[in-house]
Amino acid sequence: MKSRCIRLLLDFIRDERGPTAVEYGVMLALIIVVCITAVTTLGGNTKNSFSRASSVFGGSAS
């Protein structure tokens, strides 16, 4: 019984399918974080640009 449990544990550790799925999950999470950061930064820059243009042309920025 004990040797069977050890063998199952070693087989689980040697199996490379699990870590590959985890690596893809981590890569996907990093890509999502980069995209959210880029959209947030771009949105802030766009808002500032429109606010400056509105103040130059005398409009009211909301």
PDB file of N, CA and C in Angstrom:
ATOM      1  N   MET A   1       0.833  -1.196   0.000  1.00  0.00           N
ATOM      2  CA  MET A   1       0.000   0.000   0.000  1.00  0.00           C
ATOM      3  C   MET A   1       0.874   1.255   0.000  1.00  0.00           C
ATOM      4  N   LYS A   2       1.901   1.259   0.860  1.00  0.00           N
ATOM      5  CA  LYS A   2       2.766   2.428   0.966  1.00  0.00           C
ATOM      6  C   LYS A   2       3.559   2.640  -0.324  1.00  0.00           C
ATOM      7  N   SER A   3       4.074   1.565  -0.902  1.00  0.00           N
ATOM      8  CA  SER A   3       4.846   1.698  -2.134  1.00  0.00           C
ATOM      9  C   SER A   3       3.944   2.141  -3.289  1.00  0.00           C
ATOM     10  N   ARG A   4       2.682   1.727  -3.283  1.00  0.00           N
ATOM     11  CA  ARG A   4       1.745   2.158  -4.318  1.00  0.00           C
ATOM     12  C   ARG A   4       1.487   3.655  -4.204  1.00  0.00           C
ATOM     13  N   CYS A   5       1.337   4.164  -3.007  1.00  0.00           N
ATOM     14  CA  CYS A   5       1.124   5.603  -2.801  1.00  0.00           C
ATOM     15  C   CYS A   5       2.349   6.397  -3.246  1.00  0.00           C
ATOM     16  N   ILE A   6       3.519   5.896  -2.923  1.00  0.00           N
ATOM     17  CA  ILE A   6       4.754   6.572  -3.332  1.00  0.00           C
ATOM     18  C   ILE A   6       4.869   6.564  -4.845  1.00  0.00           C
ATOM     19  N   ARG A   7       4.535   5.428  -5.479  1.00  0.00           N
ATOM     20  CA  ARG A   7       4.587   5.342  -6.935  1.00  0.00           C
ATOM     21  C   ARG A   7       3.598   6.317  -7.577  1.00  0.00           C
ATOM     22  N   LEU A   8       2.400   6.416  -7.039  1.00  0.00           N
ATOM     23  CA  LEU A   8       1.416   7.369  -7.567  1.00  0.00           C
ATOM     24  C   LEU A   8       1.891   8.805  -7.403  1.00  0.00           C
ATOM     25  N   LEU A   9       2.503   9.104  -6.280  1.00  0.00           N
ATOM     26  CA  LEU A   9       3.019  10.452  -6.037  1.00  0.00           C
ATOM     27  C   LEU A   9       4.151  10.777  -7.018  1.00  0.00           C
ATOM     28  N   LEU A  10       5.051   9.843  -7.244  1.00  0.00           N
ATOM     29  CA  LEU A  10       6.141  10.065  -8.187  1.00  0.00           C
ATOM     30  C   LEU A  10       5.623  10.217  -9.614  1.00  0.00           C
ATOM     31  N   ASP A  11       4.618   9.417  -9.981  1.00  0.00           N
ATOM     32  CA  ASP A  11       4.019   9.566 -11.307  1.00  0.00           C
ATOM     33  C   ASP A  11       3.374  10.943 -11.460  1.00  0.00           C
ATOM     34  N   PHE A  12       2.730  11.413 -10.424  1.00  0.00           N
ATOM     35  CA  PHE A  12       2.099  12.738 -10.459  1.00  0.00           C
ATOM     36  C   PHE A  12       3.146  13.832 -10.621  1.00  0.00           C
ATOM     37  N   ILE A  13       4.268  13.707  -9.940  1.00  0.00           N
ATOM     38  CA  ILE A  13       5.331  14.708 -10.024  1.00  0.00           C
ATOM     39  C   ILE A  13       5.978  14.701 -11.406  1.00  0.00           C
ATOM     40  N   ARG A  14       6.146  13.525 -11.992  1.00  0.00           N
ATOM     41  CA  ARG A  14       6.786  13.413 -13.304  1.00  0.00           C
ATOM     42  C   ARG A  14       5.873  13.826 -14.458  1.00  0.00           C
ATOM     43  N   ASP A  15       4.580  13.824 -14.235  1.00  0.00           N
ATOM     44  CA  ASP A  15       3.622  14.165 -15.289  1.00  0.00           C
ATOM     45  C   ASP A  15       3.761  15.639 -15.648  1.00  0.00           C
ATOM     46  N   GLU A  16       3.985  15.933 -16.924  1.00  0.00           N
ATOM     47  CA  GLU A  16       4.228  17.311 -17.354  1.00  0.00           C
ATOM     48  C   GLU A  16       2.988  17.997 -17.892  1.00  0.00           C
ATOM     49  N   ARG A  17       1.868  17.335 -17.945  1.00  0.00           N
ATOM     50  CA  ARG A  17       0.661  17.961 -18.467  1.00  0.00           C
ATOM     51  C   ARG A  17       0.119  19.023 -17.523  1.00  0.00           C
ATOM     52  N   GLY A  18       0.197  18.804 -16.225  1.00  0.00           N
ATOM     53  CA  GLY A  18      -0.303  19.756 -15.243  1.00  0.00           C
ATOM     54  C   GLY A  18       0.457  21.075 -15.253  1.00  0.00           C
ATOM     55  N   PRO A  19       1.779  21.039 -15.147  1.00  0.00           N
ATOM     56  CA  PRO A  19       2.527  22.296 -15.165  1.00  0.00           C
ATOM     57  C   PRO A  19       2.339  23.087 -16.457  1.00  0.00           C
ATOM     58  N   THR A  20       2.148  22.409 -17.571  1.00  0.00           N
ATOM     59  CA  THR A  20       1.950  23.106 -18.829  1.00  0.00           C
ATOM     60  C   THR A  20       0.654  23.913 -18.781  1.00  0.00           C
ATOM     61  N   ALA A  21      -0.409  23.333 -18.262  1.00  0.00           N
ATOM     62  CA  ALA A  21      -1.677  24.050 -18.145  1.00  0.00           C
ATOM     63  C   ALA A  21      -1.538  25.228 -17.186  1.00  0.00           C
ATOM     64  N   VAL A  22      -0.802  25.047 -16.116  1.00  0.00           N
ATOM     65  CA  VAL A  22      -0.583  26.133 -15.164  1.00  0.00           C
ATOM     66  C   VAL A  22       0.216  27.252 -15.820  1.00  0.00           C
ATOM     67  N   GLU A  23       1.221  26.902 -16.587  1.00  0.00           N
ATOM     68  CA  GLU A  23       2.026  27.924 -17.274  1.00  0.00           C
ATOM     69  C   GLU A  23       1.174  28.728 -18.248  1.00  0.00           C
ATOM     70  N   TYR A  24       0.294  28.054 -18.983  1.00  0.00           N
ATOM     71  CA  TYR A  24      -0.595  28.776 -19.897  1.00  0.00           C
ATOM     72  C   TYR A  24      -1.539  29.695 -19.119  1.00  0.00           C
ATOM     73  N   GLY A  25      -1.999  29.261 -17.984  1.00  0.00           N
ATOM     74  CA  GLY A  25      -2.860  30.090 -17.159  1.00  0.00           C
ATOM     75  C   GLY A  25      -2.150  31.330 -16.650  1.00  0.00           C
ATOM     76  N   VAL A  26      -0.900  31.171 -16.243  1.00  0.00           N
ATOM     77  CA  VAL A  26      -0.118  32.316 -15.766  1.00  0.00           C
ATOM     78  C   VAL A  26       0.159  33.280 -16.910  1.00  0.00           C
ATOM     79  N   MET A  27       0.494  32.755 -18.091  1.00  0.00           N
ATOM     80  CA  MET A  27       0.729  33.623 -19.241  1.00  0.00           C
ATOM     81  C   MET A  27      -0.534  34.398 -19.606  1.00  0.00           C
ATOM     82  N   LEU A  28      -1.684  33.742 -19.577  1.00  0.00           N
ATOM     83  CA  LEU A  28      -2.942  34.409 -19.880  1.00  0.00           C
ATOM     84  C   LEU A  28      -3.232  35.506 -18.870  1.00  0.00           C
ATOM     85  N   ALA A  29      -2.984  35.231 -17.599  1.00  0.00           N
ATOM     86  CA  ALA A  29      -3.202  36.248 -16.564  1.00  0.00           C
ATOM     87  C   ALA A  29      -2.287  37.453 -16.779  1.00  0.00           C
ATOM     88  N   LEU A  30      -1.037  37.220 -17.122  1.00  0.00           N
ATOM     89  CA  LEU A  30      -0.114  38.333 -17.377  1.00  0.00           C
ATOM     90  C   LEU A  30      -0.535  39.144 -18.596  1.00  0.00           C
ATOM     91  N   ILE A  31      -1.004  38.476 -19.630  1.00  0.00           N
ATOM     92  CA  ILE A  31      -1.468  39.190 -20.818  1.00  0.00           C
ATOM     93  C   ILE A  31      -2.678  40.051 -20.477  1.00  0.00           C
ATOM     94  N   ILE A  32      -3.583  39.533 -19.686  1.00  0.00           N
ATOM     95  CA  ILE A  32      -4.763  40.305 -19.278  1.00  0.00           C
ATOM     96  C   ILE A  32      -4.359  41.522 -18.468  1.00  0.00           C
ATOM     97  N   VAL A  33      -3.408  41.365 -17.552  1.00  0.00           N
ATOM     98  CA  VAL A  33      -2.943  42.492 -16.741  1.00  0.00           C
ATOM     99  C   VAL A  33      -2.318  43.566 -17.624  1.00  0.00           C
ATOM    100  N   VAL A  34      -1.506  43.154 -18.595  1.00  0.00           N
ATOM    101  CA  VAL A  34      -0.874  44.119 -19.503  1.00  0.00           C
ATOM    102  C   VAL A  34      -1.931  44.851 -20.320  1.00  0.00           C
ATOM    103  N   CYS A  35      -2.922  44.122 -20.812  1.00  0.00           N
ATOM    104  CA  CYS A  35      -3.989  44.761 -21.596  1.00  0.00           C
ATOM    105  C   CYS A  35      -4.782  45.755 -20.762  1.00  0.00           C
ATOM    106  N   ILE A  36      -5.131  45.404 -19.550  1.00  0.00           N
ATOM    107  CA  ILE A  36      -5.884  46.316 -18.682  1.00  0.00           C
ATOM    108  C   ILE A  36      -5.058  47.557 -18.381  1.00  0.00           C
ATOM    109  N   THR A  37      -3.768  47.375 -18.110  1.00  0.00           N
ATOM    110  CA  THR A  37      -2.893  48.518 -17.843  1.00  0.00           C
ATOM    111  C   THR A  37      -2.791  49.429 -19.055  1.00  0.00           C
ATOM    112  N   ALA A  38      -2.650  48.840 -20.237  1.00  0.00           N
ATOM    113  CA  ALA A  38      -2.541  49.637 -21.461  1.00  0.00           C
ATOM    114  C   ALA A  38      -3.826  50.417 -21.727  1.00  0.00           C
ATOM    115  N   VAL A  39      -4.964  49.778 -21.559  1.00  0.00           N
ATOM    116  CA  VAL A  39      -6.246  50.456 -21.797  1.00  0.00           C
ATOM    117  C   VAL A  39      -6.456  51.571 -20.783  1.00  0.00           C
ATOM    118  N   THR A  40      -6.108  51.341 -19.534  1.00  0.00           N
ATOM    119  CA  THR A  40      -6.259  52.367 -18.501  1.00  0.00           C
ATOM    120  C   THR A  40      -5.361  53.563 -18.796  1.00  0.00           C
ATOM    121  N   THR A  41      -4.117  53.299 -19.156  1.00  0.00           N
ATOM    122  CA  THR A  41      -3.182  54.385 -19.470  1.00  0.00           C
ATOM    123  C   THR A  41      -3.634  55.151 -20.707  1.00  0.00           C
ATOM    124  N   LEU A  42      -4.020  54.427 -21.732  1.00  0.00           N
ATOM    125  CA  LEU A  42      -4.479  55.065 -22.962  1.00  0.00           C
ATOM    126  C   LEU A  42      -5.734  55.899 -22.707  1.00  0.00           C
ATOM    127  N   GLY A  43      -6.636  55.395 -21.891  1.00  0.00           N
ATOM    128  CA  GLY A  43      -7.852  56.138 -21.559  1.00  0.00           C
ATOM    129  C   GLY A  43      -7.544  57.423 -20.808  1.00  0.00           C
ATOM    130  N   GLY A  44      -6.618  57.351 -19.872  1.00  0.00           N
ATOM    131  CA  GLY A  44      -6.224  58.547 -19.124  1.00  0.00           C
ATOM    132  C   GLY A  44      -5.559  59.579 -20.014  1.00  0.00           C
ATOM    133  N   ASN A  45      -4.689  59.123 -20.899  1.00  0.00           N
ATOM    134  CA  ASN A  45      -4.019  60.043 -21.821  1.00  0.00           C
ATOM    135  C   ASN A  45      -5.011  60.682 -22.778  1.00  0.00           C
ATOM    136  N   THR A  46      -5.971  59.905 -23.243  1.00  0.00           N
ATOM    137  CA  THR A  46      -6.989  60.433 -24.156  1.00  0.00           C
ATOM    138  C   THR A  46      -7.848  61.476 -23.452  1.00  0.00           C
ATOM    139  N   LYS A  47      -8.225  61.212 -22.221  1.00  0.00           N
ATOM    140  CA  LYS A  47      -9.032  62.164 -21.455  1.00  0.00           C
ATOM    141  C   LYS A  47      -8.267  63.476 -21.272  1.00  0.00           C
ATOM    142  N   ASN A  48      -6.986  63.371 -20.932  1.00  0.00           N
ATOM    143  CA  ASN A  48      -6.176  64.582 -20.754  1.00  0.00           C
ATOM    144  C   ASN A  48      -6.051  65.361 -22.057  1.00  0.00           C
ATOM    145  N   SER A  49      -5.880  64.652 -23.170  1.00  0.00           N
ATOM    146  CA  SER A  49      -5.763  65.332 -24.467  1.00  0.00           C
ATOM    147  C   SER A  49      -7.042  66.074 -24.822  1.00  0.00           C
ATOM    148  N   PHE A  50      -8.184  65.448 -24.621  1.00  0.00           N
ATOM    149  CA  PHE A  50      -9.455  66.103 -24.928  1.00  0.00           C
ATOM    150  C   PHE A  50      -9.729  67.263 -23.969  1.00  0.00           C
ATOM    151  N   SER A  51      -9.317  67.129 -22.719  1.00  0.00           N
ATOM    152  CA  SER A  51      -9.503  68.230 -21.767  1.00  0.00           C
ATOM    153  C   SER A  51      -8.659  69.438 -22.168  1.00  0.00           C
ATOM    154  N   ARG A  52      -7.421  69.194 -22.577  1.00  0.00           N
ATOM    155  CA  ARG A  52      -6.559  70.297 -23.033  1.00  0.00           C
ATOM    156  C   ARG A  52      -7.123  70.943 -24.294  1.00  0.00           C
ATOM    157  N   ALA A  53      -7.575  70.139 -25.234  1.00  0.00           N
ATOM    158  CA  ALA A  53      -8.142  70.689 -26.472  1.00  0.00           C
ATOM    159  C   ALA A  53      -9.410  71.478 -26.168  1.00  0.00           C
ATOM    160  N   SER A  54     -10.200  71.000 -25.251  1.00  0.00           N
ATOM    161  CA  SER A  54     -11.425  71.712 -24.890  1.00  0.00           C
ATOM    162  C   SER A  54     -11.105  73.057 -24.235  1.00  0.00           C
ATOM    163  N   SER A  55     -10.093  73.099 -23.399  1.00  0.00           N
ATOM    164  CA  SER A  55      -9.737  74.364 -22.756  1.00  0.00           C
ATOM    165  C   SER A  55      -9.141  75.351 -23.756  1.00  0.00           C
ATOM    166  N   VAL A  56      -8.432  74.851 -24.767  1.00  0.00           N
ATOM    167  CA  VAL A  56      -7.851  75.739 -25.788  1.00  0.00           C
ATOM    168  C   VAL A  56      -8.968  76.344 -26.643  1.00  0.00           C
ATOM    169  N   PHE A  57      -9.981  75.583 -26.963  1.00  0.00           N
ATOM    170  CA  PHE A  57     -11.049  76.069 -27.817  1.00  0.00           C
ATOM    171  C   PHE A  57     -12.180  76.735 -27.034  1.00  0.00           C
ATOM    172  N   GLY A  58     -12.034  76.812 -25.727  1.00  0.00           N
ATOM    173  CA  GLY A  58     -12.994  77.533 -24.896  1.00  0.00           C
ATOM    174  C   GLY A  58     -14.239  76.760 -24.526  1.00  0.00           C
ATOM    175  N   GLY A  59     -14.276  75.485 -24.757  1.00  0.00           N
ATOM    176  CA  GLY A  59     -15.433  74.678 -24.378  1.00  0.00           C
ATOM    177  C   GLY A  59     -15.344  74.270 -22.921  1.00  0.00           C
ATOM    178  N   SER A  60     -16.413  73.722 -22.434  1.00  0.00           N
ATOM    179  CA  SER A  60     -16.394  73.270 -21.045  1.00  0.00           C
ATOM    180  C   SER A  60     -16.175  71.759 -21.018  1.00  0.00           C
ATOM    181  N   ALA A  61     -15.200  71.341 -20.265  1.00  0.00           N
ATOM    182  CA  ALA A  61     -14.906  69.915 -20.149  1.00  0.00           C
ATOM    183  C   ALA A  61     -15.773  69.340 -19.049  1.00  0.00           C
ATOM    184  N   SER A  62     -16.321  68.155 -19.301  1.00  0.00           N
ATOM    185  CA  SER A  62     -17.163  67.546 -18.273  1.00  0.00           C
ATOM    186  C   SER A  62     -16.503  66.367 -17.658  1.00  0.00           C
TER     187      SER A  62
END
